[in-house]
């Protein structure tokens, strides 16, 4: 009887995985947060995603092609500007947009945007708070190219050859560094932009999902990439532009950075 029940459970698990294209990366997210995907929106605006693979880079197109990942909650105007900037950039083949519980779904206007053909849209519901680490890990799992560019919705690319000039070779990654921003206040808020290879992202296990609020997640992530032996390269900050936040948002972010920094320094490795 026990064997029969186990067999039935395995059948259900197999059917669930096939129907919803579930892979280990997304299963981990679902267990921790109870994510509910509005999959009908994903199917409406994008092709069916391939599976995340931790062991080898399978089903990845060859040549100069990259996946872009951006997550957003309610900042639609900034996202529209960002998507428009992606159109002019050589090498961007897909843009994975994670709509993390926006009051008005991104799908309500995406069909009228000129970049709609490049977008894979993921809509996450029933999440009261925006959690950057989980949102981006989810987006990473839908990428299909060997090189991944992680962007913030409040940043735009202003150079056509941005990817060609920052294409990571095996064993290295590119990031924006606020330490190199100098007196440019806008550039200080581009610290979250990073370009790396899919295989290195898989080895790092993505962002530390124990960090639940804004701040420190990037610094912790870059540190783990370096601990894996990757060489850090610096992105030319003149090729990006930051869309300013309100003072209230920045004050909240500063407090969250201090909180997350304390959690990270006292936590075991992700």
Protein backbone atom coordinates (compact mmCIF):
# COMPACT_ATOMS: atom_id res chain seq x y z
CA UNK A 1 0.00 0.00 0.00
CA UNK A 2 2.83 2.38 0.87
CA UNK A 3 4.53 1.62 -2.42
CA UNK A 4 1.29 2.38 -4.29
CA UNK A 5 0.93 5.75 -2.56
CA UNK A 6 4.54 6.63 -3.33
CA UNK A 7 4.05 5.74 -6.99
CA UNK A 8 0.93 7.93 -7.20
CA UNK A 9 2.80 10.82 -5.57
CA UNK A 10 5.62 10.52 -8.10
CA UNK A 11 3.14 10.57 -10.98
CA UNK A 12 1.53 13.76 -9.62
CA UNK A 13 4.95 15.38 -9.20
CA UNK A 14 5.91 14.49 -12.78
CA UNK A 15 2.65 15.91 -14.17
CA UNK A 16 3.05 19.11 -12.11
CA UNK A 17 6.59 19.63 -13.39
CA UNK A 18 5.55 19.10 -17.00
CA UNK A 19 2.53 21.38 -16.82
CA UNK A 20 4.25 24.30 -15.11
CA UNK A 21 7.84 23.88 -16.37
CA UNK A 22 9.08 23.69 -12.79
CA UNK A 23 12.78 23.29 -12.15
CA UNK A 24 14.81 23.02 -8.91
CA UNK A 25 15.48 26.78 -8.79
CA UNK A 26 11.78 27.65 -8.86
CA UNK A 27 10.83 24.81 -6.53
CA UNK A 28 13.14 26.29 -3.90
CA UNK A 29 11.42 29.65 -4.29
CA UNK A 30 7.94 28.13 -4.07
CA UNK A 31 8.78 26.21 -0.89
CA UNK A 32 10.10 29.32 0.80
CA UNK A 33 7.58 31.89 -0.30
CA UNK A 34 4.46 30.29 -1.73
CA UNK A 35 4.78 32.10 -5.04
CA UNK A 36 1.73 32.04 -7.26
CA UNK A 37 2.46 32.56 -10.94
CA UNK A 38 -0.16 33.92 -13.29
CA UNK A 39 1.10 31.59 -15.98
CA UNK A 40 -1.54 32.63 -18.53
CA UNK A 41 0.14 36.03 -18.76
CA UNK A 42 3.54 34.43 -19.21
CA UNK A 43 2.25 32.24 -22.04
CA UNK A 44 0.47 35.17 -23.67
CA UNK A 45 3.52 37.41 -23.97
CA UNK A 46 6.47 35.04 -24.27
CA UNK A 47 7.69 31.74 -25.58
CA UNK A 48 7.70 28.73 -23.29
CA UNK A 49 10.86 28.94 -21.12
CA UNK A 50 13.56 26.28 -21.08
CA UNK A 51 14.68 24.59 -17.88
CA UNK A 52 17.42 25.90 -15.61
CA UNK A 53 20.33 23.48 -15.56
CA UNK A 54 22.94 23.52 -12.80
CA UNK A 55 25.35 21.04 -14.36
CA UNK A 56 25.76 22.13 -17.97
CA UNK A 57 24.74 24.91 -20.31
CA UNK A 58 22.19 23.01 -22.37
CA UNK A 59 19.85 24.48 -24.99
CA UNK A 60 21.70 27.78 -25.06
CA UNK A 61 22.02 29.66 -28.32
CA UNK A 62 25.52 30.31 -29.65
CA UNK A 63 26.95 33.65 -30.63
CA UNK A 64 26.59 37.18 -29.33
CA UNK A 65 23.28 36.89 -27.44
CA UNK A 66 22.41 37.78 -23.87
CA UNK A 67 19.45 37.57 -21.50
CA UNK A 68 18.46 40.62 -19.46
CA UNK A 69 16.62 40.28 -16.14
CA UNK A 70 14.76 43.13 -14.44
CA UNK A 71 12.30 43.01 -11.53
CA UNK A 72 9.78 45.69 -10.67
CA UNK A 73 6.93 46.53 -8.34
CA UNK A 74 4.77 49.46 -9.48
CA UNK A 75 7.55 51.56 -11.07
CA UNK A 76 5.99 51.31 -14.52
CA UNK A 77 7.23 54.58 -16.00
CA UNK A 78 10.85 53.74 -15.18
CA UNK A 79 10.38 50.24 -16.60
CA UNK A 80 9.00 51.64 -19.87
CA UNK A 81 12.08 53.83 -20.27
CA UNK A 82 14.37 50.91 -19.44
CA UNK A 83 12.71 48.61 -21.99
CA UNK A 84 13.00 51.28 -24.66
CA UNK A 85 16.73 51.62 -23.97
CA UNK A 86 17.19 47.87 -24.52
CA UNK A 87 15.97 48.09 -28.12
CA UNK A 88 19.10 49.93 -29.26
CA UNK A 89 21.60 47.61 -27.54
CA UNK A 90 23.33 45.02 -29.71
CA UNK A 91 23.20 41.49 -28.31
CA UNK A 92 20.07 41.66 -26.15
CA UNK A 93 17.93 38.74 -27.33
CA UNK A 94 15.44 38.47 -24.47
CA UNK A 95 14.30 40.54 -21.50
CA UNK A 96 12.89 38.64 -18.53
CA UNK A 97 10.59 41.01 -16.61
CA UNK A 98 9.46 39.94 -13.14
CA UNK A 99 6.32 41.84 -12.17
CA UNK A 100 6.36 41.31 -8.41
CA UNK A 101 2.83 42.12 -7.32
CA UNK A 102 2.38 45.50 -9.00
CA UNK A 103 -0.99 47.09 -8.24
CA UNK A 104 -1.53 47.45 -11.99
CA UNK A 105 -0.05 44.49 -13.88
CA UNK A 106 2.72 45.18 -16.37
CA UNK A 107 0.70 43.13 -18.88
CA UNK A 108 -1.90 45.90 -18.99
CA UNK A 109 0.39 48.06 -21.12
CA UNK A 110 3.16 45.78 -22.40
CA UNK A 111 1.29 44.88 -25.60
CA UNK A 112 1.59 48.53 -26.69
CA UNK A 113 5.32 48.83 -25.98
CA UNK A 114 7.81 48.55 -28.86
CA UNK A 115 9.96 46.08 -26.90
CA UNK A 116 7.11 43.61 -26.30
CA UNK A 117 8.56 41.04 -28.71
CA UNK A 118 11.72 40.75 -26.60
CA UNK A 119 9.97 40.30 -23.26
CA UNK A 120 9.24 37.22 -21.16
CA UNK A 121 6.78 38.44 -18.54
CA UNK A 122 6.44 36.74 -15.15
CA UNK A 123 3.64 37.93 -12.89
CA UNK A 124 3.92 37.11 -9.17
CA UNK A 125 0.86 37.55 -6.96
CA UNK A 126 -0.05 37.32 -3.24
CA UNK A 127 3.29 38.77 -2.12
CA UNK A 128 2.70 41.71 0.28
CA UNK A 129 6.32 42.93 0.13
CA UNK A 130 8.83 43.30 -2.68
CA UNK A 131 11.74 40.89 -2.07
CA UNK A 132 14.53 41.65 -4.55
CA UNK A 133 16.55 38.50 -3.90
CA UNK A 134 13.65 36.15 -4.63
CA UNK A 135 12.39 38.20 -7.57
CA UNK A 136 15.73 38.09 -9.38
CA UNK A 137 16.41 34.44 -8.61
CA UNK A 138 13.07 33.66 -10.20
CA UNK A 139 13.91 35.76 -13.24
CA UNK A 140 17.32 34.09 -13.63
CA UNK A 141 15.64 30.70 -13.88
CA UNK A 142 13.86 31.75 -17.08
CA UNK A 143 16.98 32.94 -18.92
CA UNK A 144 18.05 30.94 -21.95
CA UNK A 145 21.37 32.52 -22.99
CA UNK A 146 24.93 31.97 -21.82
CA UNK A 147 25.44 35.56 -20.66
CA UNK A 148 23.02 37.29 -18.26
CA UNK A 149 22.74 41.02 -17.58
CA UNK A 150 20.99 41.86 -14.32
CA UNK A 151 19.53 45.37 -14.38
CA UNK A 152 17.50 47.52 -12.03
CA UNK A 153 14.32 49.09 -13.39
CA UNK A 154 15.63 52.56 -12.49
CA UNK A 155 18.63 52.28 -14.83
CA UNK A 156 18.86 52.72 -18.59
CA UNK A 157 21.53 51.73 -21.11
CA UNK A 158 22.82 54.59 -23.24
CA UNK A 159 25.46 52.86 -25.39
CA UNK A 160 24.64 50.65 -28.37
CA UNK A 161 27.71 48.44 -27.87
CA UNK A 162 27.32 48.18 -24.09
CA UNK A 163 27.33 44.37 -24.08
CA UNK A 164 30.13 44.01 -26.59
CA UNK A 165 32.33 46.25 -24.43
CA UNK A 166 31.50 44.30 -21.26
CA UNK A 167 31.24 40.72 -22.51
CA UNK A 168 32.49 38.43 -19.71
CA UNK A 169 35.04 35.81 -20.64
CA UNK A 170 35.07 32.50 -18.74
CA UNK A 171 36.18 33.16 -15.18
CA UNK A 172 35.15 36.82 -14.90
CA UNK A 173 32.14 39.05 -14.31
CA UNK A 174 31.40 42.75 -14.77
CA UNK A 175 29.71 44.94 -12.19
CA UNK A 176 29.04 48.59 -11.44
CA UNK A 177 30.92 49.76 -8.37
CA UNK A 178 29.74 52.69 -6.30
CA UNK A 179 33.31 53.10 -5.05
CA UNK A 180 34.34 54.08 -8.59
CA UNK A 181 31.50 56.55 -9.05
CA UNK A 182 33.47 59.53 -7.73
CA UNK A 183 31.43 62.69 -7.44
CA UNK A 184 28.68 61.45 -9.74
CA UNK A 185 25.71 61.01 -7.40
CA UNK A 186 23.55 59.30 -10.03
CA UNK A 187 26.19 56.66 -10.71
CA UNK A 188 26.34 55.73 -7.03
CA UNK A 189 22.96 54.04 -7.43
CA UNK A 190 24.02 51.68 -10.24
CA UNK A 191 25.72 49.21 -7.89
CA UNK A 192 23.15 46.51 -8.70
CA UNK A 193 24.07 46.14 -12.38
CA UNK A 194 26.06 42.96 -13.09
CA UNK A 195 26.94 40.87 -16.16
CA UNK A 196 28.02 37.25 -15.75
CA UNK A 197 27.89 33.84 -17.32
CA UNK A 198 24.97 31.54 -16.66
CA UNK A 199 27.21 28.72 -15.42
CA UNK A 200 28.85 31.00 -12.83
CA UNK A 201 25.45 32.24 -11.68
CA UNK A 202 24.33 28.65 -11.17
CA UNK A 203 27.46 27.83 -9.15
CA UNK A 204 26.84 30.84 -6.91
CA UNK A 205 23.19 29.82 -6.28
CA UNK A 206 22.03 33.36 -7.07
CA UNK A 207 21.07 35.99 -4.52
CA UNK A 208 20.84 35.13 -0.83
CA UNK A 209 17.08 34.93 -0.23
CA UNK A 210 17.54 35.34 3.51
CA UNK A 211 18.05 39.04 2.74
CA UNK A 212 14.43 40.15 2.55
CA UNK A 213 14.71 43.94 2.26
CA UNK A 214 16.63 46.40 0.10
CA UNK A 215 20.40 46.69 0.34
CA UNK A 216 23.60 44.66 0.82
CA UNK A 217 22.28 41.87 -1.43
CA UNK A 218 24.56 42.99 -4.27
CA UNK A 219 27.67 43.30 -2.11
CA UNK A 220 27.09 39.86 -0.61
CA UNK A 221 26.52 38.36 -4.07
CA UNK A 222 29.67 39.88 -5.55
CA UNK A 223 31.68 38.59 -2.62
CA UNK A 224 30.52 35.04 -3.27
CA UNK A 225 31.36 35.32 -6.97
CA UNK A 226 34.88 36.34 -6.02
CA UNK A 227 35.11 33.47 -3.54
CA UNK A 228 34.42 31.12 -6.46
CA UNK A 229 37.58 32.44 -8.13
CA UNK A 230 35.93 34.83 -10.59
CA UNK A 231 37.78 38.00 -11.59
CA UNK A 232 35.83 41.21 -11.10
CA UNK A 233 35.75 43.75 -13.94
CA UNK A 234 34.27 47.24 -13.71
CA UNK A 235 31.46 48.48 -15.95
CA UNK A 236 31.97 51.87 -17.59
CA UNK A 237 29.49 54.06 -15.72
CA UNK A 238 29.21 56.47 -18.66
CA UNK A 239 27.27 53.77 -20.54
CA UNK A 240 24.40 53.75 -18.02
CA UNK A 241 22.08 56.33 -16.53
CA UNK A 242 20.21 56.14 -13.23
CA UNK A 243 16.64 57.42 -12.93
CA UNK A 244 16.56 59.26 -9.57
CA UNK A 245 14.36 58.07 -6.68
CA UNK A 246 12.45 60.26 -4.28
CA UNK A 247 14.19 61.22 -1.03
CA UNK A 248 11.71 59.08 0.94
CA UNK A 249 12.60 55.96 -1.03
CA UNK A 250 16.32 56.59 -0.54
CA UNK A 251 15.92 57.08 3.23
CA UNK A 252 14.07 53.76 3.48
CA UNK A 253 16.73 52.05 1.38
CA UNK A 254 19.57 53.36 3.56
CA UNK A 255 17.96 51.91 6.69
CA UNK A 256 17.45 48.57 4.95
CA UNK A 257 21.10 48.44 3.83
CA UNK A 258 22.25 48.67 7.44
CA UNK A 259 19.80 45.93 8.50
CA UNK A 260 20.76 43.54 5.72
CA UNK A 261 24.45 44.23 6.24
CA UNK A 262 24.15 43.07 9.83
CA UNK A 263 22.28 39.93 8.80
CA UNK A 264 24.83 39.09 6.12
CA UNK A 265 27.85 39.45 8.37
CA UNK A 266 26.35 37.04 10.91
CA UNK A 267 24.98 34.46 8.48
CA UNK A 268 26.38 31.23 7.12
CA UNK A 269 27.14 31.04 3.41
CA UNK A 270 24.19 30.90 1.00
